[in-house]
Amino acid sequence: MNNPLSGVGFLDDFADKDRNRAMDFKRDERMEYLATLRDSRPEIFDQMGTTVRISLGYYENDKKNAAAHGADVEKGNN
């Protein structure tokens, strides 16, 4: 039996999803500050809301992905 999804063109885009997100990465000094705060003053960071912590997690994942795809994540205004 044929796989009905084998001929679907949009499935080809999944392979480039990480690369596309990496190219869209923009360094955010506010997020960099939060990462520094988390490492240097965890007692203050722990009092921040869940949304802030989740946002930092997404930012750091995007930053790691961008670095893995060769983007310079250390300079501003990428």
C-alpha atoms as a PDB file:
ATOM      1  CA  MET A   1       0.000   0.000   0.000  1.00  0.00           C
ATOM      2  CA  ASN A   2       1.288   3.477  -0.854  1.00  0.00           C
ATOM      3  CA  ASN A   3       2.077   5.907   1.903  1.00  0.00           C
ATOM      4  CA  PRO A   4      -0.377   8.773   1.261  1.00  0.00           C
ATOM      5  CA  LEU A   5       2.013  11.331   2.745  1.00  0.00           C
ATOM      6  CA  SER A   6       4.939  10.461   0.475  1.00  0.00           C
ATOM      7  CA  GLY A   7       3.812  12.878  -2.223  1.00  0.00           C
ATOM      8  CA  VAL A   8       2.927  15.793   0.012  1.00  0.00           C
ATOM      9  CA  GLY A   9       5.254  18.705  -0.714  1.00  0.00           C
ATOM     10  CA  PHE A  10       4.890  20.598   2.558  1.00  0.00           C
ATOM     11  CA  LEU A  11       6.643  17.798   4.443  1.00  0.00           C
ATOM     12  CA  ASP A  12       9.919  18.812   2.804  1.00  0.00           C
ATOM     13  CA  ASP A  13       9.927  22.045   4.812  1.00  0.00           C
ATOM     14  CA  PHE A  14      10.307  20.305   8.173  1.00  0.00           C
ATOM     15  CA  ALA A  15      14.007  19.690   7.607  1.00  0.00           C
ATOM     16  CA  ASP A  16      14.647  23.432   7.256  1.00  0.00           C
ATOM     17  CA  LYS A  17      12.549  24.528  10.240  1.00  0.00           C
ATOM     18  CA  ASP A  18      15.500  24.686  12.639  1.00  0.00           C
ATOM     19  CA  ARG A  19      17.676  26.492  10.106  1.00  0.00           C
ATOM     20  CA  ASN A  20      14.925  29.025   9.416  1.00  0.00           C
ATOM     21  CA  ARG A  21      14.476  29.696  13.130  1.00  0.00           C
ATOM     22  CA  ALA A  22      18.257  30.019  13.510  1.00  0.00           C
ATOM     23  CA  MET A  23      18.412  32.657  10.804  1.00  0.00           C
ATOM     24  CA  ASP A  24      15.594  34.606  12.505  1.00  0.00           C
ATOM     25  CA  PHE A  25      17.381  34.709  15.877  1.00  0.00           C
ATOM     26  CA  LYS A  26      17.934  38.204  17.283  1.00  0.00           C
ATOM     27  CA  ARG A  27      20.084  38.795  20.354  1.00  0.00           C
ATOM     28  CA  ASP A  28      18.045  40.364  23.152  1.00  0.00           C
ATOM     29  CA  GLU A  29      19.999  42.136  25.881  1.00  0.00           C
ATOM     30  CA  ARG A  30      17.052  41.830  28.281  1.00  0.00           C
ATOM     31  CA  MET A  31      17.139  38.055  27.965  1.00  0.00           C
ATOM     32  CA  GLU A  32      20.912  38.066  28.329  1.00  0.00           C
ATOM     33  CA  TYR A  33      20.478  40.045  31.547  1.00  0.00           C
ATOM     34  CA  LEU A  34      17.923  37.513  32.823  1.00  0.00           C
ATOM     35  CA  ALA A  35      20.342  34.667  32.109  1.00  0.00           C
ATOM     36  CA  THR A  36      23.049  36.493  34.052  1.00  0.00           C
ATOM     37  CA  LEU A  37      20.613  37.146  36.901  1.00  0.00           C
ATOM     38  CA  ARG A  38      19.620  33.483  36.979  1.00  0.00           C
ATOM     39  CA  ASP A  39      23.265  32.450  37.312  1.00  0.00           C
ATOM     40  CA  SER A  40      24.418  35.156  39.728  1.00  0.00           C
ATOM     41  CA  ARG A  41      21.324  35.726  41.904  1.00  0.00           C
ATOM     42  CA  PRO A  42      19.119  32.613  41.717  1.00  0.00           C
ATOM     43  CA  GLU A  43      17.090  33.672  44.771  1.00  0.00           C
ATOM     44  CA  ILE A  44      15.839  36.752  42.897  1.00  0.00           C
ATOM     45  CA  PHE A  45      15.311  34.867  39.648  1.00  0.00           C
ATOM     46  CA  ASP A  46      13.229  32.220  41.444  1.00  0.00           C
ATOM     47  CA  GLN A  47      10.789  34.926  42.557  1.00  0.00           C
ATOM     48  CA  MET A  48      10.066  35.946  38.974  1.00  0.00           C
ATOM     49  CA  GLY A  49       6.972  34.693  37.223  1.00  0.00           C
ATOM     50  CA  THR A  50       6.693  31.520  35.240  1.00  0.00           C
ATOM     51  CA  THR A  51       6.283  33.412  31.973  1.00  0.00           C
ATOM     52  CA  VAL A  52       9.679  35.066  32.378  1.00  0.00           C
ATOM     53  CA  ARG A  53      11.380  31.740  33.049  1.00  0.00           C
ATOM     54  CA  ILE A  54       9.657  30.045  30.114  1.00  0.00           C
ATOM     55  CA  SER A  55      10.566  32.954  27.822  1.00  0.00           C
ATOM     56  CA  LEU A  56      14.204  32.683  28.855  1.00  0.00           C
ATOM     57  CA  GLY A  57      14.133  28.957  28.125  1.00  0.00           C
ATOM     58  CA  TYR A  58      12.777  29.530  24.619  1.00  0.00           C
ATOM     59  CA  TYR A  59      15.323  32.283  24.024  1.00  0.00           C
ATOM     60  CA  GLU A  60      18.222  30.087  25.133  1.00  0.00           C
ATOM     61  CA  ASN A  61      17.013  27.199  22.966  1.00  0.00           C
ATOM     62  CA  ASP A  62      16.794  29.513  19.953  1.00  0.00           C
ATOM     63  CA  LYS A  63      20.251  30.907  20.728  1.00  0.00           C
ATOM     64  CA  LYS A  64      21.743  27.399  20.953  1.00  0.00           C
ATOM     65  CA  ASN A  65      20.040  26.446  17.689  1.00  0.00           C
ATOM     66  CA  ALA A  66      21.333  29.577  15.967  1.00  0.00           C
ATOM     67  CA  ALA A  67      24.882  28.887  17.151  1.00  0.00           C
ATOM     68  CA  ALA A  68      24.621  25.306  15.897  1.00  0.00           C
ATOM     69  CA  HIS A  69      23.680  26.644  12.443  1.00  0.00           C
ATOM     70  CA  GLY A  70      26.618  29.037  12.329  1.00  0.00           C
ATOM     71  CA  ALA A  71      24.959  32.307  13.320  1.00  0.00           C
ATOM     72  CA  ASP A  72      26.973  34.757  15.413  1.00  0.00           C
ATOM     73  CA  VAL A  73      24.932  34.915  18.621  1.00  0.00           C
ATOM     74  CA  GLU A  74      27.373  37.151  20.512  1.00  0.00           C
ATOM     75  CA  LYS A  75      26.819  40.377  18.591  1.00  0.00           C
ATOM     76  CA  GLY A  76      23.759  42.583  18.793  1.00  0.00           C
ATOM     77  CA  ASN A  77      21.342  43.354  15.953  1.00  0.00           C
ATOM     78  CA  ASN A  78      21.941  40.040  14.177  1.00  0.00           C
END
